[in-house]
Amino acid sequence: MKRALAAILLMAILLILWQSLTLAGAQEAEWCISKHGESGAAPCFNLPNWVLRVAQSAKFPAEYDLSHHLNPYFQSGDFDADGKLDVAVLVRQKSTGRSGIAIFLYGKTKPVVLGAGRSFGNGGTDFSWMDNWSVYSKAAVRKSPWEDKPPAPRGDALWVAKSESASAFIFWDGRKYVWYQQSD
């Protein structure tokens, strides 16, 4: 009987602790809560605190929601070749519902948004077609049959794809982010 009560008490304490941590994270960065017409909300689990602070200070919540249409919903890599870990997050523009990627560069005060209402490469203004993405570490990119010469990314690249259809690399060329079509 004592063991059962102790187990119940321990579970109650853990539940209260988990709820307080979840609420604290949601209050720290309200833009993390993405409702998309659902009755529940999905907080930003595992996003670094500096990303949450930049999102809040950049007034990001007014225009964008976090998007959970892919798992993982964020990727980490050195996307601007400065030797620091950056974070790319899937977002949805509130006014249009269009999906895209927000790249949070470590030490910068504003994210770079690709898609989500802003035209970018062959991805257009809405990346909701995307059903796969990953980080392609600093390495040579294979030549595409649709492009002239393969790029030499300065930092890590994002590989975005529609399964059984098309894929591309998104990378920093030293001045801006560029789209390199890999397959069709």
N, C-alpha and C. Protein backbone atom coordinates (compact mmCIF):
# COMPACT_ATOMS: atom_id res chain seq x y z
N MET A 1 0.82 -1.19 0.00
CA MET A 1 0.00 0.00 0.00
C MET A 1 0.87 1.26 0.00
N LYS A 2 1.94 1.23 0.85
CA LYS A 2 2.82 2.40 0.93
C LYS A 2 3.55 2.62 -0.40
N ARG A 3 3.95 1.52 -1.05
CA ARG A 3 4.65 1.64 -2.33
C ARG A 3 3.72 2.23 -3.39
N ALA A 4 2.48 1.80 -3.40
CA ALA A 4 1.51 2.32 -4.37
C ALA A 4 1.28 3.81 -4.16
N LEU A 5 1.14 4.23 -2.90
CA LEU A 5 0.96 5.66 -2.61
C LEU A 5 2.20 6.46 -2.99
N ALA A 6 3.38 5.90 -2.72
CA ALA A 6 4.62 6.58 -3.08
C ALA A 6 4.73 6.72 -4.60
N ALA A 7 4.35 5.68 -5.33
CA ALA A 7 4.39 5.74 -6.79
C ALA A 7 3.42 6.78 -7.33
N ILE A 8 2.22 6.83 -6.77
CA ILE A 8 1.22 7.83 -7.20
C ILE A 8 1.71 9.23 -6.89
N LEU A 9 2.29 9.42 -5.71
CA LEU A 9 2.82 10.74 -5.33
C LEU A 9 3.95 11.15 -6.27
N LEU A 10 4.84 10.23 -6.59
CA LEU A 10 5.94 10.52 -7.50
C LEU A 10 5.42 10.90 -8.88
N MET A 11 4.43 10.17 -9.38
CA MET A 11 3.85 10.48 -10.68
C MET A 11 3.19 11.86 -10.67
N ALA A 12 2.51 12.20 -9.60
CA ALA A 12 1.86 13.52 -9.50
C ALA A 12 2.91 14.62 -9.51
N ILE A 13 4.01 14.43 -8.79
CA ILE A 13 5.08 15.44 -8.75
C ILE A 13 5.70 15.60 -10.14
N LEU A 14 5.96 14.49 -10.81
CA LEU A 14 6.53 14.55 -12.16
C LEU A 14 5.59 15.24 -13.14
N LEU A 15 4.30 14.97 -13.03
CA LEU A 15 3.32 15.61 -13.91
C LEU A 15 3.28 17.12 -13.67
N ILE A 16 3.29 17.53 -12.42
CA ILE A 16 3.29 18.97 -12.10
C ILE A 16 4.56 19.63 -12.62
N LEU A 17 5.70 18.98 -12.43
CA LEU A 17 6.97 19.52 -12.92
C LEU A 17 6.95 19.64 -14.44
N TRP A 18 6.50 18.61 -15.14
CA TRP A 18 6.44 18.65 -16.61
C TRP A 18 5.52 19.77 -17.09
N GLN A 19 4.35 19.93 -16.46
CA GLN A 19 3.43 20.99 -16.85
C GLN A 19 4.03 22.36 -16.62
N SER A 20 4.73 22.55 -15.51
CA SER A 20 5.33 23.86 -15.25
C SER A 20 6.42 24.18 -16.26
N LEU A 21 7.22 23.18 -16.63
CA LEU A 21 8.25 23.41 -17.65
C LEU A 21 7.63 23.72 -19.00
N THR A 22 6.59 23.01 -19.36
CA THR A 22 5.91 23.24 -20.63
C THR A 22 5.30 24.63 -20.66
N LEU A 23 4.64 25.03 -19.59
CA LEU A 23 4.02 26.36 -19.54
C LEU A 23 5.07 27.46 -19.57
N ALA A 24 6.19 27.26 -18.87
CA ALA A 24 7.25 28.27 -18.86
C ALA A 24 7.80 28.46 -20.27
N GLY A 25 8.02 27.37 -20.99
CA GLY A 25 8.53 27.47 -22.35
C GLY A 25 7.54 28.16 -23.27
N ALA A 26 6.26 27.87 -23.11
CA ALA A 26 5.24 28.49 -23.95
C ALA A 26 5.12 29.97 -23.65
N GLN A 27 5.26 30.36 -22.38
CA GLN A 27 5.17 31.77 -22.03
C GLN A 27 6.40 32.53 -22.51
N GLU A 28 7.56 31.88 -22.52
CA GLU A 28 8.78 32.55 -22.96
C GLU A 28 8.69 32.95 -24.42
N ALA A 29 8.05 32.15 -25.24
CA ALA A 29 7.95 32.45 -26.66
C ALA A 29 6.59 32.01 -27.18
N GLU A 30 5.64 32.91 -27.13
CA GLU A 30 4.28 32.57 -27.53
C GLU A 30 4.18 32.19 -29.00
N TRP A 31 5.10 32.65 -29.83
CA TRP A 31 5.02 32.32 -31.25
C TRP A 31 5.17 30.83 -31.48
N CYS A 32 5.69 30.11 -30.49
CA CYS A 32 5.85 28.67 -30.62
C CYS A 32 4.53 27.94 -30.69
N ILE A 33 3.49 28.54 -30.21
CA ILE A 33 2.23 27.83 -30.15
C ILE A 33 1.53 27.97 -31.49
N SER A 34 1.38 26.85 -32.14
CA SER A 34 0.82 26.80 -33.48
C SER A 34 -0.52 26.08 -33.43
N LYS A 35 -1.60 26.79 -33.62
CA LYS A 35 -2.92 26.19 -33.44
C LYS A 35 -3.47 25.58 -34.71
N HIS A 36 -3.33 26.22 -35.85
CA HIS A 36 -3.80 25.70 -37.13
C HIS A 36 -5.22 25.15 -37.06
N GLY A 37 -6.09 25.81 -36.33
CA GLY A 37 -7.49 25.41 -36.29
C GLY A 37 -7.77 24.24 -35.38
N GLU A 38 -6.75 23.72 -34.70
CA GLU A 38 -6.97 22.60 -33.80
C GLU A 38 -7.32 23.13 -32.42
N SER A 39 -7.95 22.29 -31.61
CA SER A 39 -8.32 22.73 -30.27
C SER A 39 -7.11 22.79 -29.35
N GLY A 40 -6.10 21.98 -29.62
CA GLY A 40 -4.90 21.99 -28.78
C GLY A 40 -3.82 22.87 -29.38
N ALA A 41 -2.72 22.99 -28.67
CA ALA A 41 -1.59 23.77 -29.15
C ALA A 41 -0.34 22.92 -29.07
N ALA A 42 0.61 23.22 -29.92
CA ALA A 42 1.86 22.45 -29.95
C ALA A 42 3.02 23.36 -29.61
N PRO A 43 3.62 23.22 -28.42
CA PRO A 43 4.75 24.07 -28.06
C PRO A 43 6.02 23.67 -28.80
N CYS A 44 7.02 24.52 -28.74
CA CYS A 44 8.29 24.32 -29.44
C CYS A 44 9.25 23.50 -28.61
N PHE A 45 9.07 22.22 -28.58
CA PHE A 45 9.98 21.38 -27.83
C PHE A 45 11.35 21.37 -28.48
N ASN A 46 12.37 21.48 -27.67
CA ASN A 46 13.77 21.31 -28.06
C ASN A 46 14.39 22.46 -28.84
N LEU A 47 13.67 23.52 -29.15
CA LEU A 47 14.31 24.65 -29.82
C LEU A 47 15.23 25.34 -28.83
N PRO A 48 16.42 25.74 -29.27
CA PRO A 48 17.33 26.44 -28.36
C PRO A 48 16.71 27.75 -27.86
N ASN A 49 17.03 28.11 -26.63
CA ASN A 49 16.47 29.34 -26.04
C ASN A 49 16.82 30.58 -26.85
N TRP A 50 18.02 30.63 -27.43
CA TRP A 50 18.39 31.82 -28.19
C TRP A 50 17.49 32.00 -29.41
N VAL A 51 17.02 30.90 -30.02
CA VAL A 51 16.09 30.99 -31.15
C VAL A 51 14.77 31.59 -30.68
N LEU A 52 14.28 31.14 -29.53
CA LEU A 52 13.03 31.66 -28.99
C LEU A 52 13.15 33.16 -28.69
N ARG A 53 14.29 33.57 -28.12
CA ARG A 53 14.48 34.99 -27.82
C ARG A 53 14.53 35.84 -29.09
N VAL A 54 15.24 35.37 -30.12
CA VAL A 54 15.32 36.12 -31.38
C VAL A 54 13.94 36.22 -32.01
N ALA A 55 13.19 35.12 -32.00
CA ALA A 55 11.85 35.13 -32.58
C ALA A 55 10.97 36.16 -31.89
N GLN A 56 11.03 36.23 -30.57
CA GLN A 56 10.22 37.19 -29.83
C GLN A 56 10.68 38.62 -30.10
N SER A 57 11.97 38.86 -30.10
CA SER A 57 12.46 40.23 -30.28
C SER A 57 12.27 40.72 -31.70
N ALA A 58 12.19 39.82 -32.65
CA ALA A 58 12.02 40.21 -34.06
C ALA A 58 10.54 40.39 -34.41
N LYS A 59 9.66 40.33 -33.44
CA LYS A 59 8.21 40.46 -33.67
C LYS A 59 7.72 39.37 -34.62
N PHE A 60 8.38 38.25 -34.59
CA PHE A 60 8.05 37.13 -35.44
C PHE A 60 6.63 36.60 -35.23
N PRO A 61 6.14 36.58 -33.97
CA PRO A 61 4.80 36.00 -33.73
C PRO A 61 3.67 36.71 -34.46
N ALA A 62 3.85 37.95 -34.83
CA ALA A 62 2.78 38.68 -35.52
C ALA A 62 2.54 38.13 -36.92
N GLU A 63 3.58 37.59 -37.55
CA GLU A 63 3.45 37.15 -38.93
C GLU A 63 3.51 35.63 -39.13
N TYR A 64 4.19 34.91 -38.23
CA TYR A 64 4.43 33.49 -38.46
C TYR A 64 4.05 32.62 -37.26
N ASP A 65 3.61 31.41 -37.58
CA ASP A 65 3.40 30.34 -36.61
C ASP A 65 4.43 29.26 -36.90
N LEU A 66 4.76 28.51 -35.90
CA LEU A 66 5.58 27.33 -36.10
C LEU A 66 4.76 26.30 -36.86
N SER A 67 5.39 25.58 -37.78
CA SER A 67 4.69 24.54 -38.54
C SER A 67 5.22 23.17 -38.14
N HIS A 68 4.32 22.25 -37.88
CA HIS A 68 4.71 20.89 -37.52
C HIS A 68 4.36 19.91 -38.63
N HIS A 69 4.30 20.37 -39.89
CA HIS A 69 3.88 19.45 -40.95
C HIS A 69 4.95 18.42 -41.31
N LEU A 70 6.16 18.60 -40.82
CA LEU A 70 7.23 17.61 -41.00
C LEU A 70 7.89 17.32 -39.67
N ASN A 71 8.43 16.13 -39.55
CA ASN A 71 9.20 15.78 -38.38
C ASN A 71 10.58 15.36 -38.86
N PRO A 72 11.64 16.02 -38.46
CA PRO A 72 11.69 17.09 -37.47
C PRO A 72 11.23 18.42 -38.05
N TYR A 73 10.75 19.30 -37.18
CA TYR A 73 10.28 20.60 -37.64
C TYR A 73 11.39 21.65 -37.61
N PHE A 74 12.58 21.26 -37.13
CA PHE A 74 13.73 22.16 -37.24
C PHE A 74 14.99 21.34 -37.49
N GLN A 75 15.97 22.01 -38.11
CA GLN A 75 17.27 21.40 -38.41
C GLN A 75 18.36 22.33 -37.89
N SER A 76 19.48 21.77 -37.48
CA SER A 76 20.61 22.57 -37.00
C SER A 76 21.81 22.35 -37.90
N GLY A 77 22.53 23.42 -38.16
CA GLY A 77 23.74 23.35 -38.98
C GLY A 77 24.39 24.71 -39.04
N ASP A 78 25.56 24.79 -39.60
CA ASP A 78 26.25 26.07 -39.79
C ASP A 78 25.85 26.61 -41.16
N PHE A 79 24.72 27.28 -41.23
CA PHE A 79 24.12 27.68 -42.50
C PHE A 79 24.71 28.96 -43.10
N ASP A 80 25.59 29.66 -42.38
CA ASP A 80 26.22 30.85 -42.96
C ASP A 80 27.75 30.79 -42.87
N ALA A 81 28.29 29.62 -42.58
CA ALA A 81 29.73 29.37 -42.59
C ALA A 81 30.53 30.25 -41.64
N ASP A 82 29.94 30.58 -40.48
CA ASP A 82 30.68 31.38 -39.50
C ASP A 82 31.22 30.54 -38.35
N GLY A 83 31.05 29.22 -38.44
CA GLY A 83 31.54 28.33 -37.40
C GLY A 83 30.60 28.18 -36.21
N LYS A 84 29.42 28.79 -36.27
CA LYS A 84 28.46 28.72 -35.17
C LYS A 84 27.21 27.97 -35.63
N LEU A 85 26.60 27.25 -34.70
CA LEU A 85 25.43 26.45 -35.01
C LEU A 85 24.19 27.33 -35.18
N ASP A 86 23.55 27.23 -36.33
CA ASP A 86 22.33 27.96 -36.65
C ASP A 86 21.16 26.98 -36.65
N VAL A 87 19.94 27.52 -36.75
CA VAL A 87 18.75 26.66 -36.71
C VAL A 87 17.78 27.08 -37.81
N ALA A 88 17.31 26.10 -38.59
CA ALA A 88 16.27 26.32 -39.61
C ALA A 88 14.97 25.71 -39.07
N VAL A 89 13.90 26.51 -39.10
CA VAL A 89 12.62 26.10 -38.51
C VAL A 89 11.53 26.19 -39.57
N LEU A 90 10.65 25.20 -39.60
CA LEU A 90 9.49 25.26 -40.50
C LEU A 90 8.47 26.23 -39.93
N VAL A 91 8.00 27.15 -40.76
CA VAL A 91 7.02 28.16 -40.32
C VAL A 91 5.86 28.24 -41.31
N ARG A 92 4.79 28.85 -40.86
CA ARG A 92 3.61 29.08 -41.69
C ARG A 92 3.21 30.55 -41.54
N GLN A 93 3.07 31.25 -42.67
CA GLN A 93 2.65 32.64 -42.65
C GLN A 93 1.19 32.70 -42.22
N LYS A 94 0.89 33.48 -41.18
CA LYS A 94 -0.46 33.53 -40.62
C LYS A 94 -1.49 34.04 -41.62
N SER A 95 -1.15 35.08 -42.38
CA SER A 95 -2.13 35.71 -43.26
C SER A 95 -2.51 34.86 -44.47
N THR A 96 -1.60 34.00 -44.93
CA THR A 96 -1.87 33.22 -46.15
C THR A 96 -1.91 31.71 -45.92
N GLY A 97 -1.33 31.24 -44.82
CA GLY A 97 -1.24 29.80 -44.58
C GLY A 97 -0.11 29.14 -45.35
N ARG A 98 0.72 29.93 -46.03
CA ARG A 98 1.82 29.37 -46.82
C ARG A 98 2.99 28.96 -45.92
N SER A 99 3.60 27.84 -46.27
CA SER A 99 4.71 27.29 -45.48
C SER A 99 6.06 27.74 -46.02
N GLY A 100 7.05 27.71 -45.15
CA GLY A 100 8.40 28.05 -45.55
C GLY A 100 9.39 27.69 -44.46
N ILE A 101 10.58 28.23 -44.60
CA ILE A 101 11.67 27.96 -43.66
C ILE A 101 12.20 29.29 -43.14
N ALA A 102 12.33 29.40 -41.82
CA ALA A 102 12.98 30.55 -41.20
C ALA A 102 14.35 30.08 -40.72
N ILE A 103 15.40 30.75 -41.17
CA ILE A 103 16.75 30.40 -40.76
C ILE A 103 17.20 31.41 -39.71
N PHE A 104 17.43 30.89 -38.50
CA PHE A 104 17.90 31.71 -37.39
C PHE A 104 19.41 31.55 -37.32
N LEU A 105 20.12 32.63 -37.61
CA LEU A 105 21.58 32.63 -37.61
C LEU A 105 22.08 33.07 -36.24
N TYR A 106 22.94 32.27 -35.65
CA TYR A 106 23.43 32.57 -34.31
C TYR A 106 24.08 33.95 -34.27
N GLY A 107 23.67 34.76 -33.31
CA GLY A 107 24.23 36.10 -33.16
C GLY A 107 23.51 37.17 -33.95
N LYS A 108 22.57 36.80 -34.81
CA LYS A 108 21.81 37.77 -35.60
C LYS A 108 20.48 38.06 -34.90
N THR A 109 19.90 39.22 -35.18
CA THR A 109 18.69 39.63 -34.48
C THR A 109 17.41 39.38 -35.25
N LYS A 110 17.53 38.90 -36.49
CA LYS A 110 16.34 38.68 -37.31
C LYS A 110 16.55 37.43 -38.18
N PRO A 111 15.55 36.54 -38.26
CA PRO A 111 15.70 35.36 -39.10
C PRO A 111 15.54 35.68 -40.58
N VAL A 112 16.07 34.81 -41.42
CA VAL A 112 15.90 34.90 -42.87
C VAL A 112 14.75 33.95 -43.22
N VAL A 113 13.71 34.46 -43.90
CA VAL A 113 12.55 33.63 -44.25
C VAL A 113 12.59 33.30 -45.73
N LEU A 114 12.48 32.01 -46.04
CA LEU A 114 12.44 31.52 -47.42
C LEU A 114 11.08 30.85 -47.61
N GLY A 115 10.36 31.22 -48.66
CA GLY A 115 9.00 30.73 -48.83
C GLY A 115 8.09 31.44 -47.85
N ALA A 116 7.04 30.78 -47.38
CA ALA A 116 6.10 31.37 -46.40
C ALA A 116 5.63 32.74 -46.87
N GLY A 117 5.20 32.82 -48.13
CA GLY A 117 4.71 34.07 -48.69
C GLY A 117 5.75 34.87 -49.45
N ARG A 118 7.01 34.46 -49.38
CA ARG A 118 8.10 35.13 -50.09
C ARG A 118 8.67 34.16 -51.12
N SER A 119 8.75 34.58 -52.35
CA SER A 119 9.22 33.69 -53.42
C SER A 119 10.70 33.35 -53.21
N PHE A 120 11.02 32.07 -53.36
CA PHE A 120 12.41 31.64 -53.26
C PHE A 120 12.65 30.45 -54.17
N GLY A 121 13.52 30.63 -55.15
CA GLY A 121 13.89 29.56 -56.08
C GLY A 121 12.69 28.87 -56.69
N ASN A 122 12.85 27.60 -57.02
CA ASN A 122 11.74 26.82 -57.57
C ASN A 122 10.75 26.39 -56.50
N GLY A 123 11.07 26.68 -55.24
CA GLY A 123 10.16 26.35 -54.14
C GLY A 123 8.97 27.28 -54.09
N GLY A 124 9.10 28.45 -54.71
CA GLY A 124 8.00 29.41 -54.76
C GLY A 124 7.73 30.08 -53.43
N THR A 125 6.48 30.47 -53.24
CA THR A 125 6.07 31.17 -52.02
C THR A 125 5.49 30.24 -50.97
N ASP A 126 5.34 28.96 -51.31
CA ASP A 126 4.72 28.01 -50.39
C ASP A 126 5.46 26.68 -50.46
N PHE A 127 6.09 26.30 -49.36
CA PHE A 127 6.84 25.05 -49.31
C PHE A 127 6.02 23.90 -48.75
N SER A 128 4.71 23.99 -48.79
CA SER A 128 3.88 22.91 -48.24
C SER A 128 4.02 21.62 -49.06
N TRP A 129 4.57 21.70 -50.26
CA TRP A 129 4.84 20.52 -51.09
C TRP A 129 5.94 19.64 -50.47
N MET A 130 6.77 20.25 -49.64
CA MET A 130 7.94 19.58 -49.08
C MET A 130 7.51 18.48 -48.10
N ASP A 131 8.01 17.25 -48.30
CA ASP A 131 7.70 16.18 -47.34
C ASP A 131 8.96 15.52 -46.78
N ASN A 132 10.12 16.15 -47.05
CA ASN A 132 11.38 15.62 -46.55
C ASN A 132 12.41 16.74 -46.55
N TRP A 133 13.22 16.78 -45.53
CA TRP A 133 14.33 17.73 -45.51
C TRP A 133 15.39 17.24 -44.56
N SER A 134 16.63 17.68 -44.80
CA SER A 134 17.74 17.30 -43.93
C SER A 134 18.88 18.29 -44.15
N VAL A 135 19.91 18.14 -43.33
CA VAL A 135 21.10 18.98 -43.44
C VAL A 135 22.15 18.22 -44.24
N TYR A 136 22.73 18.88 -45.19
CA TYR A 136 23.80 18.33 -46.01
C TYR A 136 25.08 19.03 -45.56
N SER A 137 25.94 18.32 -44.86
CA SER A 137 27.15 18.92 -44.29
C SER A 137 28.06 19.49 -45.36
N LYS A 138 28.92 20.40 -44.92
CA LYS A 138 29.84 21.07 -45.83
C LYS A 138 30.59 20.06 -46.68
N ALA A 139 30.13 19.87 -47.85
CA ALA A 139 30.75 18.92 -48.78
C ALA A 139 30.34 19.31 -50.19
N ALA A 140 31.03 18.76 -51.14
CA ALA A 140 30.71 19.07 -52.53
C ALA A 140 29.31 18.55 -52.88
N VAL A 141 28.58 19.35 -53.62
CA VAL A 141 27.24 18.98 -54.08
C VAL A 141 27.38 18.37 -55.47
N ARG A 142 26.68 17.26 -55.70
CA ARG A 142 26.72 16.63 -57.02
C ARG A 142 26.11 17.55 -58.08
N LYS A 143 26.63 17.45 -59.29
CA LYS A 143 26.10 18.25 -60.40
C LYS A 143 24.69 17.78 -60.73
N SER A 144 23.83 18.74 -60.94
CA SER A 144 22.45 18.47 -61.32
C SER A 144 22.33 18.44 -62.83
N PRO A 145 21.48 17.59 -63.39
CA PRO A 145 21.28 17.61 -64.84
C PRO A 145 20.57 18.87 -65.32
N TRP A 146 19.97 19.64 -64.40
CA TRP A 146 19.21 20.83 -64.78
C TRP A 146 19.98 22.13 -64.57
N GLU A 147 21.15 22.05 -63.97
CA GLU A 147 21.92 23.25 -63.65
C GLU A 147 23.30 23.15 -64.31
N ASP A 148 23.96 24.30 -64.45
CA ASP A 148 25.28 24.32 -65.07
C ASP A 148 26.32 23.59 -64.23
N LYS A 149 26.97 24.29 -63.35
CA LYS A 149 28.00 23.64 -62.54
C LYS A 149 27.51 23.52 -61.10
N PRO A 150 27.99 22.52 -60.39
CA PRO A 150 27.55 22.37 -59.01
C PRO A 150 28.13 23.47 -58.13
N PRO A 151 27.38 23.88 -57.14
CA PRO A 151 27.87 24.94 -56.26
C PRO A 151 28.88 24.40 -55.26
N ALA A 152 29.57 25.30 -54.63
CA ALA A 152 30.46 24.96 -53.53
C ALA A 152 29.93 25.69 -52.30
N PRO A 153 29.00 25.07 -51.57
CA PRO A 153 28.43 25.74 -50.41
C PRO A 153 29.51 26.13 -49.40
N ARG A 154 29.38 27.31 -48.83
CA ARG A 154 30.34 27.78 -47.84
C ARG A 154 30.07 27.16 -46.47
N GLY A 155 28.81 26.88 -46.20
CA GLY A 155 28.42 26.26 -44.93
C GLY A 155 27.60 25.02 -45.21
N ASP A 156 26.91 24.57 -44.20
CA ASP A 156 26.01 23.43 -44.39
C ASP A 156 24.84 23.86 -45.28
N ALA A 157 24.32 22.92 -46.04
CA ALA A 157 23.18 23.20 -46.92
C ALA A 157 21.95 22.47 -46.38
N LEU A 158 20.78 23.00 -46.71
CA LEU A 158 19.53 22.30 -46.44
C LEU A 158 19.14 21.57 -47.71
N TRP A 159 18.79 20.32 -47.58
CA TRP A 159 18.27 19.54 -48.70
C TRP A 159 16.77 19.45 -48.49
N VAL A 160 15.99 19.95 -49.46
CA VAL A 160 14.52 19.92 -49.37
C VAL A 160 14.00 19.06 -50.51
N ALA A 161 12.92 18.30 -50.25
CA ALA A 161 12.47 17.36 -51.27
C ALA A 161 10.98 17.06 -51.17
N LYS A 162 10.45 16.66 -52.30
CA LYS A 162 9.14 16.03 -52.41
C LYS A 162 9.45 14.60 -52.83
N SER A 163 9.11 13.64 -51.98
CA SER A 163 9.44 12.23 -52.26
C SER A 163 8.98 11.80 -53.63
N GLU A 164 9.84 11.04 -54.31
CA GLU A 164 9.53 10.50 -55.64
C GLU A 164 9.29 11.60 -56.68
N SER A 165 9.79 12.81 -56.40
CA SER A 165 9.51 13.90 -57.32
C SER A 165 10.73 14.81 -57.51
N ALA A 166 10.89 15.79 -56.65
CA ALA A 166 11.93 16.80 -56.86
C ALA A 166 12.69 17.06 -55.57
N SER A 167 13.92 17.58 -55.73
CA SER A 167 14.72 17.97 -54.57
C SER A 167 15.64 19.11 -54.96
N ALA A 168 16.11 19.82 -53.93
CA ALA A 168 17.01 20.95 -54.16
C ALA A 168 17.85 21.18 -52.91
N PHE A 169 18.95 21.90 -53.11
CA PHE A 169 19.78 22.34 -52.00
C PHE A 169 19.56 23.83 -51.81
N ILE A 170 19.48 24.25 -50.56
CA ILE A 170 19.43 25.66 -50.20
C ILE A 170 20.71 25.93 -49.41
N PHE A 171 21.50 26.90 -49.88
CA PHE A 171 22.77 27.16 -49.21
C PHE A 171 23.18 28.62 -49.33
N TRP A 172 24.12 29.02 -48.49
CA TRP A 172 24.67 30.37 -48.43
C TRP A 172 25.84 30.44 -49.40
N ASP A 173 25.82 31.42 -50.32
CA ASP A 173 26.91 31.55 -51.28
C ASP A 173 27.92 32.63 -50.89
N GLY A 174 27.76 33.18 -49.69
CA GLY A 174 28.64 34.24 -49.22
C GLY A 174 27.96 35.59 -49.21
N ARG A 175 26.85 35.72 -49.98
CA ARG A 175 26.08 36.97 -50.03
C ARG A 175 24.61 36.75 -49.70
N LYS A 176 24.09 35.60 -50.16
CA LYS A 176 22.65 35.34 -49.99
C LYS A 176 22.41 33.83 -50.05
N TYR A 177 21.17 33.45 -49.72
CA TYR A 177 20.78 32.04 -49.85
C TYR A 177 20.35 31.79 -51.28
N VAL A 178 20.78 30.66 -51.83
CA VAL A 178 20.45 30.31 -53.21
C VAL A 178 19.82 28.92 -53.26
N TRP A 179 19.09 28.69 -54.34
CA TRP A 179 18.41 27.43 -54.61
C TRP A 179 19.16 26.71 -55.71
N TYR A 180 19.50 25.44 -55.51
CA TYR A 180 20.17 24.64 -56.54
C TYR A 180 19.32 23.39 -56.76
N GLN A 181 18.63 23.35 -57.89
CA GLN A 181 17.75 22.22 -58.21
C GLN A 181 18.58 20.96 -58.38
N GLN A 182 18.22 19.91 -57.67
CA GLN A 182 18.98 18.67 -57.72
C GLN A 182 18.28 17.61 -58.58
N SER A 183 16.99 17.50 -58.45
CA SER A 183 16.25 16.52 -59.26
C SER A 183 14.86 17.06 -59.53
N ASP A 184 14.18 16.45 -60.48
CA ASP A 184 12.85 16.94 -60.84
C ASP A 184 11.81 15.88 -60.70
